[in-house]
């Protein structure tokens, strides 16, 4: 029974983590597009304000990308844990 509960918990966490990765992946893709546009504006206008906007957005994209990688690693760890449990699990009954 404990194995089943642990497996259900891992599966629940895995579903939530995958959803989180999907949402963050979409956000990062959008922010990267915005970053490209900000880079072009900064190059064309050559104003400190545009350069600052680009720098801030660049930091935001870097932080979000790092978080996306962290969450992807979490998904991988949960998949490994689930697969290991399934490998050794003996259903009751």
N, C-alpha and C. Protein backbone atom coordinates (compact mmCIF):
# COMPACT_ATOMS: atom_id res chain seq x y z
N UNK A 1 0.82 -1.20 0.00
CA UNK A 1 0.00 0.00 0.00
C UNK A 1 0.87 1.27 0.00
N UNK A 2 1.99 1.22 0.73
CA UNK A 2 2.87 2.38 0.79
C UNK A 2 3.49 2.65 -0.57
N UNK A 3 3.84 1.59 -1.28
CA UNK A 3 4.42 1.77 -2.62
C UNK A 3 3.41 2.44 -3.55
N UNK A 4 2.17 2.01 -3.43
CA UNK A 4 1.14 2.58 -4.29
C UNK A 4 0.96 4.07 -4.00
N UNK A 5 0.90 4.43 -2.73
CA UNK A 5 0.76 5.84 -2.36
C UNK A 5 1.96 6.65 -2.84
N UNK A 6 3.14 6.07 -2.69
CA UNK A 6 4.35 6.77 -3.16
C UNK A 6 4.31 6.94 -4.68
N UNK A 7 3.89 5.93 -5.38
CA UNK A 7 3.78 6.02 -6.83
C UNK A 7 2.74 7.06 -7.24
N UNK A 8 1.60 7.08 -6.57
CA UNK A 8 0.57 8.08 -6.86
C UNK A 8 1.08 9.49 -6.59
N UNK A 9 1.84 9.65 -5.49
CA UNK A 9 2.41 10.96 -5.16
C UNK A 9 3.41 11.41 -6.23
N UNK A 10 4.27 10.51 -6.63
CA UNK A 10 5.25 10.86 -7.67
C UNK A 10 4.54 11.20 -8.96
N UNK A 11 3.53 10.44 -9.33
CA UNK A 11 2.82 10.70 -10.57
C UNK A 11 2.11 12.06 -10.52
N UNK A 12 1.51 12.39 -9.39
CA UNK A 12 0.84 13.67 -9.21
C UNK A 12 1.86 14.81 -9.34
N UNK A 13 3.00 14.66 -8.69
CA UNK A 13 4.06 15.67 -8.78
C UNK A 13 4.61 15.78 -10.19
N UNK A 14 4.70 14.66 -10.88
CA UNK A 14 5.21 14.65 -12.25
C UNK A 14 4.28 15.41 -13.19
N UNK A 15 2.99 15.19 -13.06
CA UNK A 15 2.01 15.90 -13.89
C UNK A 15 2.11 17.40 -13.64
N UNK A 16 2.18 17.80 -12.37
CA UNK A 16 2.27 19.22 -12.04
C UNK A 16 3.58 19.82 -12.56
N UNK A 17 4.67 19.08 -12.43
CA UNK A 17 5.96 19.59 -12.89
C UNK A 17 5.98 19.74 -14.41
N UNK A 18 5.40 18.78 -15.12
CA UNK A 18 5.34 18.89 -16.58
C UNK A 18 4.49 20.07 -17.02
N UNK A 19 3.38 20.31 -16.33
CA UNK A 19 2.55 21.47 -16.66
C UNK A 19 3.32 22.76 -16.42
N UNK A 20 4.05 22.82 -15.32
CA UNK A 20 4.84 23.98 -14.98
C UNK A 20 5.91 24.23 -16.05
N UNK A 21 6.57 23.17 -16.50
CA UNK A 21 7.59 23.30 -17.54
C UNK A 21 6.96 23.82 -18.83
N UNK A 22 5.80 23.30 -19.18
CA UNK A 22 5.14 23.73 -20.43
C UNK A 22 4.80 25.22 -20.38
N UNK A 23 4.26 25.68 -19.27
CA UNK A 23 3.89 27.09 -19.13
C UNK A 23 5.15 27.97 -19.17
N UNK A 24 6.15 27.59 -18.41
CA UNK A 24 7.38 28.38 -18.38
C UNK A 24 8.07 28.37 -19.74
N UNK A 25 8.02 27.26 -20.44
CA UNK A 25 8.62 27.18 -21.77
C UNK A 25 7.96 28.18 -22.73
N UNK A 26 6.65 28.28 -22.66
CA UNK A 26 5.93 29.26 -23.49
C UNK A 26 6.34 30.69 -23.12
N UNK A 27 6.44 30.95 -21.84
CA UNK A 27 6.82 32.29 -21.38
C UNK A 27 8.23 32.64 -21.84
N UNK A 28 9.14 31.70 -21.69
CA UNK A 28 10.53 31.96 -22.09
C UNK A 28 10.60 32.21 -23.60
N UNK A 29 9.85 31.45 -24.38
CA UNK A 29 9.85 31.66 -25.83
C UNK A 29 9.38 33.07 -26.17
N UNK A 30 8.33 33.53 -25.51
CA UNK A 30 7.81 34.88 -25.74
C UNK A 30 8.83 35.93 -25.32
N UNK A 31 9.44 35.72 -24.15
CA UNK A 31 10.43 36.68 -23.67
C UNK A 31 11.65 36.73 -24.58
N UNK A 32 12.01 35.61 -25.18
CA UNK A 32 13.14 35.61 -26.12
C UNK A 32 12.80 36.43 -27.37
N UNK A 33 11.56 36.32 -27.82
CA UNK A 33 11.12 37.16 -28.95
C UNK A 33 11.20 38.63 -28.56
N UNK A 34 10.70 38.95 -27.37
CA UNK A 34 10.76 40.33 -26.88
C UNK A 34 12.20 40.80 -26.76
N UNK A 35 13.07 39.90 -26.33
CA UNK A 35 14.48 40.24 -26.18
C UNK A 35 15.11 40.57 -27.54
N UNK A 36 14.78 39.79 -28.55
CA UNK A 36 15.28 40.08 -29.90
C UNK A 36 14.83 41.45 -30.38
N UNK A 37 13.56 41.76 -30.14
CA UNK A 37 13.03 43.07 -30.53
C UNK A 37 13.72 44.19 -29.75
N UNK A 38 13.93 43.98 -28.46
CA UNK A 38 14.59 44.99 -27.62
C UNK A 38 16.04 45.19 -28.07
N UNK A 39 16.70 44.12 -28.47
CA UNK A 39 18.08 44.23 -28.95
C UNK A 39 18.13 45.09 -30.21
N UNK A 40 17.20 44.86 -31.11
CA UNK A 40 17.16 45.64 -32.35
C UNK A 40 16.87 47.11 -32.04
N UNK A 41 15.89 47.35 -31.15
CA UNK A 41 15.59 48.74 -30.77
C UNK A 41 16.79 49.42 -30.15
N UNK A 42 17.52 48.68 -29.31
CA UNK A 42 18.69 49.26 -28.65
C UNK A 42 19.78 49.59 -29.67
N UNK A 43 19.95 48.73 -30.65
CA UNK A 43 20.96 48.99 -31.68
C UNK A 43 20.57 50.17 -32.56
N UNK A 44 19.30 50.25 -32.92
CA UNK A 44 18.84 51.30 -33.83
C UNK A 44 18.80 52.66 -33.13
N UNK A 45 18.27 52.69 -31.92
CA UNK A 45 18.09 53.98 -31.25
C UNK A 45 19.35 54.47 -30.56
N UNK A 46 20.17 53.53 -30.09
CA UNK A 46 21.40 53.86 -29.37
C UNK A 46 21.16 54.80 -28.19
N UNK A 47 20.03 54.62 -27.52
CA UNK A 47 19.74 55.44 -26.34
C UNK A 47 19.96 54.61 -25.08
N UNK A 48 20.34 55.28 -23.99
CA UNK A 48 20.54 54.54 -22.73
C UNK A 48 19.26 53.84 -22.26
N UNK A 49 18.11 54.44 -22.50
CA UNK A 49 16.86 53.83 -22.07
C UNK A 49 16.62 52.50 -22.78
N UNK A 50 16.85 52.46 -24.07
CA UNK A 50 16.66 51.22 -24.83
C UNK A 50 17.69 50.17 -24.41
N UNK A 51 18.90 50.60 -24.16
CA UNK A 51 19.95 49.67 -23.72
C UNK A 51 19.60 49.09 -22.34
N UNK A 52 19.05 49.94 -21.46
CA UNK A 52 18.66 49.49 -20.13
C UNK A 52 17.51 48.48 -20.24
N UNK A 53 16.55 48.77 -21.10
CA UNK A 53 15.43 47.86 -21.30
C UNK A 53 15.93 46.49 -21.77
N UNK A 54 16.87 46.53 -22.71
CA UNK A 54 17.43 45.28 -23.22
C UNK A 54 18.16 44.52 -22.10
N UNK A 55 18.95 45.21 -21.31
CA UNK A 55 19.70 44.56 -20.23
C UNK A 55 18.77 43.92 -19.21
N UNK A 56 17.71 44.64 -18.84
CA UNK A 56 16.76 44.10 -17.86
C UNK A 56 16.05 42.88 -18.41
N UNK A 57 15.62 42.96 -19.64
CA UNK A 57 14.94 41.82 -20.26
C UNK A 57 15.90 40.65 -20.42
N UNK A 58 17.14 40.93 -20.73
CA UNK A 58 18.14 39.88 -20.86
C UNK A 58 18.33 39.13 -19.54
N UNK A 59 18.39 39.87 -18.44
CA UNK A 59 18.51 39.24 -17.13
C UNK A 59 17.27 38.39 -16.83
N UNK A 60 16.10 38.91 -17.15
CA UNK A 60 14.85 38.18 -16.91
C UNK A 60 14.85 36.87 -17.70
N UNK A 61 15.27 36.92 -18.94
CA UNK A 61 15.31 35.72 -19.77
C UNK A 61 16.33 34.72 -19.22
N UNK A 62 17.46 35.21 -18.75
CA UNK A 62 18.48 34.32 -18.17
C UNK A 62 17.96 33.61 -16.93
N UNK A 63 17.30 34.35 -16.06
CA UNK A 63 16.75 33.76 -14.83
C UNK A 63 15.66 32.75 -15.18
N UNK A 64 14.78 33.11 -16.09
CA UNK A 64 13.69 32.21 -16.48
C UNK A 64 14.23 30.95 -17.16
N UNK A 65 15.26 31.09 -17.97
CA UNK A 65 15.87 29.94 -18.63
C UNK A 65 16.50 29.00 -17.61
N UNK A 66 17.17 29.56 -16.62
CA UNK A 66 17.76 28.75 -15.56
C UNK A 66 16.67 28.00 -14.78
N UNK A 67 15.56 28.68 -14.51
CA UNK A 67 14.45 28.04 -13.80
C UNK A 67 13.83 26.94 -14.65
N UNK A 68 13.72 27.18 -15.95
CA UNK A 68 13.20 26.17 -16.86
C UNK A 68 14.09 24.93 -16.84
N UNK A 69 15.39 25.13 -16.87
CA UNK A 69 16.32 24.00 -16.80
C UNK A 69 16.20 23.26 -15.48
N UNK A 70 16.05 24.00 -14.39
CA UNK A 70 15.89 23.37 -13.06
C UNK A 70 14.63 22.51 -13.03
N UNK A 71 13.54 23.05 -13.56
CA UNK A 71 12.28 22.30 -13.56
C UNK A 71 12.35 21.09 -14.49
N UNK A 72 13.05 21.21 -15.60
CA UNK A 72 13.22 20.07 -16.50
C UNK A 72 14.01 18.96 -15.80
N UNK A 73 15.01 19.32 -15.02
CA UNK A 73 15.76 18.33 -14.24
C UNK A 73 14.87 17.67 -13.20
N UNK A 74 13.97 18.45 -12.61
CA UNK A 74 13.03 17.91 -11.64
C UNK A 74 12.13 16.87 -12.31
N UNK A 75 11.65 17.17 -13.52
CA UNK A 75 10.82 16.22 -14.25
C UNK A 75 11.60 14.94 -14.51
N UNK A 76 12.84 15.07 -14.93
CA UNK A 76 13.67 13.89 -15.20
C UNK A 76 13.86 13.05 -13.94
N UNK A 77 14.09 13.70 -12.82
CA UNK A 77 14.27 12.98 -11.55
C UNK A 77 12.99 12.26 -11.16
N UNK A 78 11.86 12.90 -11.34
CA UNK A 78 10.58 12.26 -11.01
C UNK A 78 10.30 11.07 -11.92
N UNK A 79 10.64 11.20 -13.19
CA UNK A 79 10.45 10.08 -14.13
C UNK A 79 11.32 8.90 -13.69
N UNK A 80 12.57 9.18 -13.34
CA UNK A 80 13.46 8.10 -12.88
C UNK A 80 12.91 7.45 -11.61
N UNK A 81 12.43 8.26 -10.68
CA UNK A 81 11.89 7.72 -9.43
C UNK A 81 10.65 6.86 -9.71
N UNK A 82 9.78 7.35 -10.59
CA UNK A 82 8.58 6.60 -10.95
C UNK A 82 8.96 5.28 -11.62
N UNK A 83 9.87 5.34 -12.57
CA UNK A 83 10.28 4.13 -13.28
C UNK A 83 10.92 3.11 -12.35
N UNK A 84 11.71 3.59 -11.40
CA UNK A 84 12.32 2.68 -10.43
C UNK A 84 11.26 2.03 -9.56
N UNK A 85 10.29 2.81 -9.12
CA UNK A 85 9.21 2.24 -8.31
C UNK A 85 8.42 1.21 -9.11
N UNK A 86 8.13 1.52 -10.36
CA UNK A 86 7.39 0.57 -11.20
C UNK A 86 8.19 -0.70 -11.43
N UNK A 87 9.49 -0.58 -11.50
CA UNK A 87 10.34 -1.74 -11.73
C UNK A 87 10.27 -2.73 -10.56
N UNK A 88 10.18 -2.21 -9.34
CA UNK A 88 10.20 -3.08 -8.17
C UNK A 88 8.82 -3.29 -7.54
N UNK A 89 7.83 -2.58 -8.03
CA UNK A 89 6.50 -2.61 -7.41
C UNK A 89 5.80 -3.94 -7.68
N UNK A 90 5.16 -4.44 -6.63
CA UNK A 90 4.32 -5.62 -6.74
C UNK A 90 2.92 -5.20 -6.30
N UNK A 91 1.97 -5.17 -7.23
CA UNK A 91 0.61 -4.75 -6.87
C UNK A 91 0.00 -5.68 -5.83
N UNK A 92 -0.77 -5.09 -4.92
CA UNK A 92 -1.46 -5.89 -3.90
C UNK A 92 -2.64 -6.60 -4.53
N UNK A 93 -2.97 -7.74 -3.96
CA UNK A 93 -4.18 -8.44 -4.41
C UNK A 93 -3.84 -9.35 -5.49
